[in-house]
Amino acid sequence: MRAGDLIARCTFPAPGTSVHCAVSGGADSMALLILACEAGLVVTVHHVDHGLRPGSSRDVDVIAPVAGGLGARLVIHSVDVSHGPNLEARAREARQAVFPVGTMTGHTADDQAETLLINLLRGASAHGLAAMRPSHDRPLLALRRSETRAVCEQHGVLPVDDETNTDPRFLRNRVRHELLPLIADISGRDPVPILLRTSDLLRDDDDLLDELASTIDPTDARALADAPLPLARRAIRAWLADPYPPDLATVERVLRVARGEVPGCDVGHNRQVRRSKQRMSLHRVR
């Protein structure tokens, strides 16, 4: 396996570009560091110690010599994340708060497949099932997890083994270690390429519908009520995003306002949508 062949499948920016890479010490992020440097990028490594497991402060002992040998600068962040509900989400938010905008992550094709299944289990629409959008921020999305491990082996890197990645309390771990193997067993084939193709097709459909929905003025009650329902819903979600779009129940309440069935409704975050003389308006309420 040649590094050049893998790099050709990545979405790295041009050689010489200064980039930031999130590196936990696991195989995926270590491969990201190695491939980014071999692609000719000027790399700053960002490592976050969440303090959630014994010995996490020693992860940097794996990262530092590799980063130094590749000529990458290393920045270490310590964040305070307490154990409790929504641990994964809170840890992710803590990381994102300290990372520079556009920091690259080592998400792979396997992560993409897991994300699609997780979003499906949560009842996501096409936007959620489109999963992660390929970009410079996620340059390894076309690589498999087996390939990132191979990159580490070829460079003599022994990645950090984070035991939380097998903890069944976390949904992603159960999807990774239980659901995907079960799907593979039932179907008799590797499901990851199939799931990736599904997410790519849904992303194209989602982009087209968003483009069509952008022509609808959500403050025009008549235009909103007369629009095809899938486009009207999208126009409302884009209008009310704060920053996340509202749920389906909220969207349906706004549609009732647009149709003249009710004069107004709550849309969350201390906001209301009201209709007057065929115009829809958004108001802050106390």
Protein backbone atom coordinates (compact mmCIF):
# COMPACT_ATOMS: atom_id res chain seq x y z
CA MET A 1 0.00 0.00 0.00
CA ARG A 2 1.64 3.23 -1.17
CA ALA A 3 1.01 6.49 0.64
CA GLY A 4 0.64 8.27 -2.69
CA ASP A 5 -2.27 6.04 -3.68
CA LEU A 6 -4.04 6.79 -0.39
CA ILE A 7 -3.36 10.52 -0.62
CA ALA A 8 -4.89 10.56 -4.12
CA ARG A 9 -8.16 9.36 -2.55
CA CYS A 10 -8.07 12.03 0.16
CA THR A 11 -9.46 15.55 -0.08
CA PHE A 12 -6.41 17.41 1.16
CA PRO A 13 -5.82 21.00 0.01
CA ALA A 14 -2.81 21.90 -2.13
CA PRO A 15 0.71 21.13 -0.87
CA GLY A 16 2.14 23.96 1.21
CA THR A 17 -1.22 24.82 2.76
CA SER A 18 -1.16 25.37 6.53
CA VAL A 19 -3.68 23.09 8.23
CA HIS A 20 -4.79 22.04 11.69
CA CYS A 21 -5.29 18.34 12.47
CA ALA A 22 -7.17 16.89 15.45
CA VAL A 23 -5.11 13.96 16.70
CA SER A 24 -6.31 11.78 19.56
CA GLY A 25 -3.56 9.19 19.19
CA GLY A 26 -5.86 6.56 17.68
CA ALA A 27 -5.09 4.92 14.33
CA ASP A 28 -7.38 7.14 12.24
CA SER A 29 -6.03 10.44 13.55
CA MET A 30 -2.41 9.25 13.51
CA ALA A 31 -2.88 8.23 9.87
CA LEU A 32 -4.36 11.69 9.22
CA LEU A 33 -1.20 13.28 10.66
CA ILE A 34 1.11 11.04 8.64
CA LEU A 35 -0.73 11.41 5.34
CA ALA A 36 -1.20 15.18 5.73
CA CYS A 37 2.54 15.63 6.22
CA GLU A 38 3.35 13.31 3.31
CA ALA A 39 0.90 15.32 1.17
CA GLY A 40 3.16 18.33 1.72
CA LEU A 41 0.90 20.25 4.10
CA VAL A 42 2.20 22.45 6.93
CA VAL A 43 0.60 20.72 9.89
CA THR A 44 -0.28 21.90 13.37
CA VAL A 45 -1.47 19.02 15.55
CA HIS A 46 -4.15 19.66 18.17
CA HIS A 47 -4.51 17.06 20.93
CA VAL A 48 -7.24 17.29 23.55
CA ASP A 49 -7.02 15.58 26.93
CA HIS A 50 -10.56 15.19 28.26
CA GLY A 51 -9.36 13.58 31.49
CA LEU A 52 -12.09 10.96 31.20
CA ARG A 53 -9.95 7.86 31.64
CA PRO A 54 -6.85 6.99 33.69
CA GLY A 55 -3.63 7.62 31.82
CA SER A 56 -5.17 9.87 29.15
CA SER A 57 -2.45 12.46 29.83
CA ARG A 58 0.10 9.94 28.51
CA ASP A 59 -1.52 9.77 25.04
CA VAL A 60 0.66 12.68 24.00
CA ASP A 61 3.70 10.44 24.52
CA VAL A 62 2.58 8.53 21.42
CA ILE A 63 1.76 11.64 19.41
CA ALA A 64 4.71 13.90 20.20
CA PRO A 65 7.54 11.81 18.69
CA VAL A 66 5.56 11.15 15.50
CA ALA A 67 4.61 14.82 15.10
CA GLY A 68 8.17 15.90 15.82
CA GLY A 69 9.62 13.40 13.36
CA LEU A 70 7.30 14.70 10.64
CA GLY A 71 8.04 18.35 11.40
CA ALA A 72 4.53 19.11 12.67
CA ARG A 73 3.86 21.57 15.48
CA LEU A 74 2.01 20.15 18.50
CA VAL A 75 -0.57 22.02 20.61
CA ILE A 76 -2.06 20.34 23.68
CA HIS A 77 -5.45 21.30 25.10
CA SER A 78 -6.91 20.20 28.43
CA VAL A 79 -10.68 20.38 28.87
CA ASP A 80 -12.93 19.52 31.79
CA VAL A 81 -15.71 17.11 30.84
CA SER A 82 -17.53 15.44 33.71
CA HIS A 83 -19.04 11.97 33.50
CA GLY A 84 -22.80 11.89 33.06
CA PRO A 85 -25.54 12.00 30.42
CA ASN A 86 -24.69 12.89 26.81
CA LEU A 87 -20.99 12.36 27.48
CA GLU A 88 -20.06 11.86 23.82
CA ALA A 89 -21.86 15.03 22.73
CA ARG A 90 -20.41 17.11 25.55
CA ALA A 91 -16.89 15.85 24.87
CA ARG A 92 -17.31 16.65 21.18
CA GLU A 93 -18.51 20.17 21.98
CA ALA A 94 -15.55 20.69 24.32
CA ARG A 95 -13.13 19.66 21.55
CA GLN A 96 -14.77 21.85 18.96
CA ALA A 97 -14.59 24.82 21.32
CA VAL A 98 -10.78 24.69 21.41
CA PHE A 99 -10.08 23.66 17.81
CA PRO A 100 -9.44 26.38 15.20
CA VAL A 101 -12.10 26.68 12.51
CA GLY A 102 -11.55 24.14 9.76
CA THR A 103 -9.57 21.67 11.88
CA MET A 104 -9.23 18.37 10.04
CA THR A 105 -10.49 15.15 11.60
CA GLY A 106 -9.68 11.54 10.81
CA HIS A 107 -13.19 10.33 10.03
CA THR A 108 -13.16 7.39 7.64
CA ALA A 109 -15.62 5.60 5.37
CA ASP A 110 -16.47 3.33 8.29
CA ASP A 111 -17.37 6.36 10.42
CA GLN A 112 -19.55 7.60 7.57
CA ALA A 113 -21.48 4.32 7.46
CA GLU A 114 -21.92 4.38 11.24
CA THR A 115 -23.18 7.96 11.11
CA LEU A 116 -25.83 7.07 8.53
CA LEU A 117 -27.10 4.20 10.68
CA ILE A 118 -27.07 6.28 13.86
CA ASN A 119 -29.05 9.04 12.16
CA LEU A 120 -31.47 6.47 10.77
CA LEU A 121 -32.08 5.12 14.27
CA ARG A 122 -32.76 8.68 15.43
CA GLY A 123 -35.38 9.24 12.73
CA ALA A 124 -33.35 11.66 10.61
CA SER A 125 -34.52 12.99 7.26
CA ALA A 126 -32.50 12.88 4.03
CA HIS A 127 -30.18 15.57 5.37
CA GLY A 128 -29.17 13.37 8.31
CA LEU A 129 -28.91 10.25 6.18
CA ALA A 130 -26.57 12.11 3.82
CA ALA A 131 -24.19 11.91 6.82
CA MET A 132 -20.89 13.81 6.70
CA ARG A 133 -20.15 15.96 3.68
CA PRO A 134 -16.74 15.29 2.07
CA SER A 135 -14.48 18.31 2.49
CA HIS A 136 -10.97 19.44 3.38
CA ASP A 137 -12.07 19.17 7.03
CA ARG A 138 -12.67 15.41 6.65
CA PRO A 139 -10.06 14.37 4.11
CA LEU A 140 -10.07 10.63 4.90
CA LEU A 141 -13.74 9.87 4.22
CA ALA A 142 -12.86 7.67 1.23
CA LEU A 143 -10.43 5.53 3.27
CA ARG A 144 -11.31 2.46 5.30
CA ARG A 145 -10.36 2.00 8.93
CA SER A 146 -8.22 -0.98 7.93
CA GLU A 147 -6.19 1.35 5.71
CA THR A 148 -5.50 3.86 8.47
CA ARG A 149 -4.25 1.03 10.67
CA ALA A 150 -2.00 -0.12 7.81
CA VAL A 151 -0.55 3.39 7.51
CA CYS A 152 0.36 3.32 11.20
CA GLU A 153 1.92 -0.14 10.89
CA GLN A 154 4.00 0.91 7.90
CA HIS A 155 5.38 3.87 9.86
CA GLY A 156 6.02 1.86 13.01
CA VAL A 157 3.39 3.74 14.98
CA LEU A 158 1.55 1.94 17.79
CA PRO A 159 -1.69 3.93 18.19
CA VAL A 160 -3.40 4.67 21.48
CA ASP A 161 -5.93 2.01 22.43
CA ASP A 162 -8.83 3.98 23.92
CA GLU A 163 -11.04 1.56 25.85
CA THR A 164 -13.99 3.96 25.64
CA ASN A 165 -14.23 3.01 21.94
CA THR A 166 -15.64 -0.36 23.01
CA ASP A 167 -17.87 0.88 25.83
CA PRO A 168 -21.41 -0.36 25.02
CA ARG A 169 -22.94 2.64 26.81
CA PHE A 170 -22.26 4.65 23.67
CA LEU A 171 -24.55 4.18 20.68
CA ARG A 172 -21.77 4.49 18.10
CA ASN A 173 -19.84 1.65 19.72
CA ARG A 174 -22.84 -0.67 19.57
CA VAL A 175 -23.44 0.25 15.92
CA ARG A 176 -19.75 -0.39 15.18
CA HIS A 177 -19.27 -3.62 17.09
CA GLU A 178 -22.76 -5.16 16.99
CA LEU A 179 -25.04 -3.72 14.29
CA LEU A 180 -22.63 -3.48 11.35
CA PRO A 181 -21.26 -7.01 11.88
CA LEU A 182 -24.85 -8.30 12.11
CA ILE A 183 -25.77 -6.53 8.85
CA ALA A 184 -22.69 -8.03 7.20
CA ASP A 185 -23.66 -11.49 8.44
CA ILE A 186 -27.27 -11.20 7.25
CA SER A 187 -26.42 -9.70 3.85
CA GLY A 188 -23.33 -11.81 3.25
CA ARG A 189 -21.34 -8.77 2.16
CA ASP A 190 -19.52 -5.72 3.47
CA PRO A 191 -22.29 -3.14 4.07
CA VAL A 192 -20.02 -0.08 4.24
CA PRO A 193 -19.72 0.55 0.46
CA ILE A 194 -23.50 0.17 0.10
CA LEU A 195 -24.19 2.61 2.93
CA LEU A 196 -21.70 5.08 1.47
CA ARG A 197 -23.41 4.95 -1.91
CA THR A 198 -26.75 5.54 -0.19
CA SER A 199 -25.45 8.59 1.66
CA ASP A 200 -23.91 10.00 -1.54
CA LEU A 201 -27.19 9.63 -3.45
CA LEU A 202 -29.22 11.15 -0.63
CA ARG A 203 -26.77 14.05 -0.37
CA ASP A 204 -27.25 14.85 -4.06
CA ASP A 205 -31.04 14.69 -3.66
CA ASP A 206 -30.87 16.80 -0.51
CA ASP A 207 -28.78 19.48 -2.23
CA LEU A 208 -31.22 19.68 -5.15
CA LEU A 209 -34.25 19.98 -2.86
CA ASP A 210 -32.50 22.67 -0.80
CA GLU A 211 -31.79 24.61 -4.00
CA LEU A 212 -35.44 24.39 -5.07
CA ALA A 213 -36.64 25.33 -1.59
CA SER A 214 -34.42 28.42 -1.56
CA THR A 215 -36.71 30.00 -4.18
CA ILE A 216 -39.64 29.99 -1.70
CA ASP A 217 -40.10 33.04 0.51
CA PRO A 218 -41.11 31.60 3.91
CA THR A 219 -42.53 34.98 4.95
CA ASP A 220 -45.07 34.81 2.10
CA ALA A 221 -47.91 32.77 3.61
CA ARG A 222 -49.62 32.08 0.30
CA ALA A 223 -46.41 30.97 -1.43
CA LEU A 224 -45.55 28.74 1.52
CA ALA A 225 -49.00 27.16 1.65
CA ASP A 226 -49.11 26.55 -2.11
CA ALA A 227 -45.57 25.13 -2.41
CA PRO A 228 -44.99 21.35 -2.66
CA LEU A 229 -44.91 20.06 0.89
CA PRO A 230 -41.29 18.77 0.86
CA LEU A 231 -40.06 22.17 -0.35
CA ALA A 232 -42.24 24.13 2.06
CA ARG A 233 -40.85 22.13 4.97
CA ARG A 234 -37.30 22.82 3.87
CA ALA A 235 -37.96 26.55 3.46
CA ILE A 236 -39.31 26.68 7.01
CA ARG A 237 -36.38 24.72 8.45
CA ALA A 238 -33.89 27.06 6.77
CA TRP A 239 -35.82 30.13 8.00
CA LEU A 240 -36.04 29.01 11.62
CA ALA A 241 -32.60 27.39 12.04
CA ASP A 242 -31.05 28.73 15.26
CA PRO A 243 -28.52 27.32 14.41
CA TYR A 244 -30.19 23.90 14.18
CA PRO A 245 -33.42 23.48 12.21
CA PRO A 246 -36.68 22.86 14.09
CA ASP A 247 -38.24 19.43 14.41
CA LEU A 248 -41.04 18.16 12.20
CA ALA A 249 -43.77 18.98 14.74
CA THR A 250 -42.68 22.64 14.79
CA VAL A 251 -42.55 22.78 10.99
CA GLU A 252 -46.08 21.39 10.79
CA ARG A 253 -47.33 24.05 13.24
CA VAL A 254 -45.84 26.78 11.05
CA LEU A 255 -47.56 25.28 8.00
CA ARG A 256 -50.89 25.54 9.81
CA VAL A 257 -50.18 29.24 10.32
CA ALA A 258 -49.34 29.66 6.62
CA ARG A 259 -52.62 27.97 5.64
CA GLY A 260 -54.61 30.30 7.87
CA GLU A 261 -55.73 27.56 10.24
CA VAL A 262 -54.25 29.36 13.28
CA PRO A 263 -52.92 32.94 13.64
CA GLY A 264 -49.58 31.95 15.16
CA CYS A 265 -47.56 29.31 16.97
CA ASP A 266 -44.54 28.76 19.19
CA VAL A 267 -41.38 27.60 17.41
CA GLY A 268 -39.02 27.20 20.38
CA HIS A 269 -36.19 29.30 21.80
CA ASN A 270 -38.72 31.90 23.03
CA ARG A 271 -39.90 32.60 19.50
CA GLN A 272 -43.27 32.71 17.77
CA VAL A 273 -44.35 32.78 14.14
CA ARG A 274 -47.37 34.97 13.41
CA ARG A 275 -49.38 35.67 10.28
CA SER A 276 -50.88 39.03 9.30
CA LYS A 277 -52.15 40.05 5.86
CA GLN A 278 -50.55 37.05 4.15
CA ARG A 279 -47.16 37.79 5.72
CA MET A 280 -45.35 35.46 8.12
CA SER A 281 -43.15 37.07 10.77
CA LEU A 282 -40.88 35.79 13.51
CA HIS A 283 -41.07 37.36 16.96
CA ARG A 284 -39.05 37.05 20.17
CA VAL A 285 -41.17 36.55 23.24
CA ARG A 286 -40.36 36.73 26.94
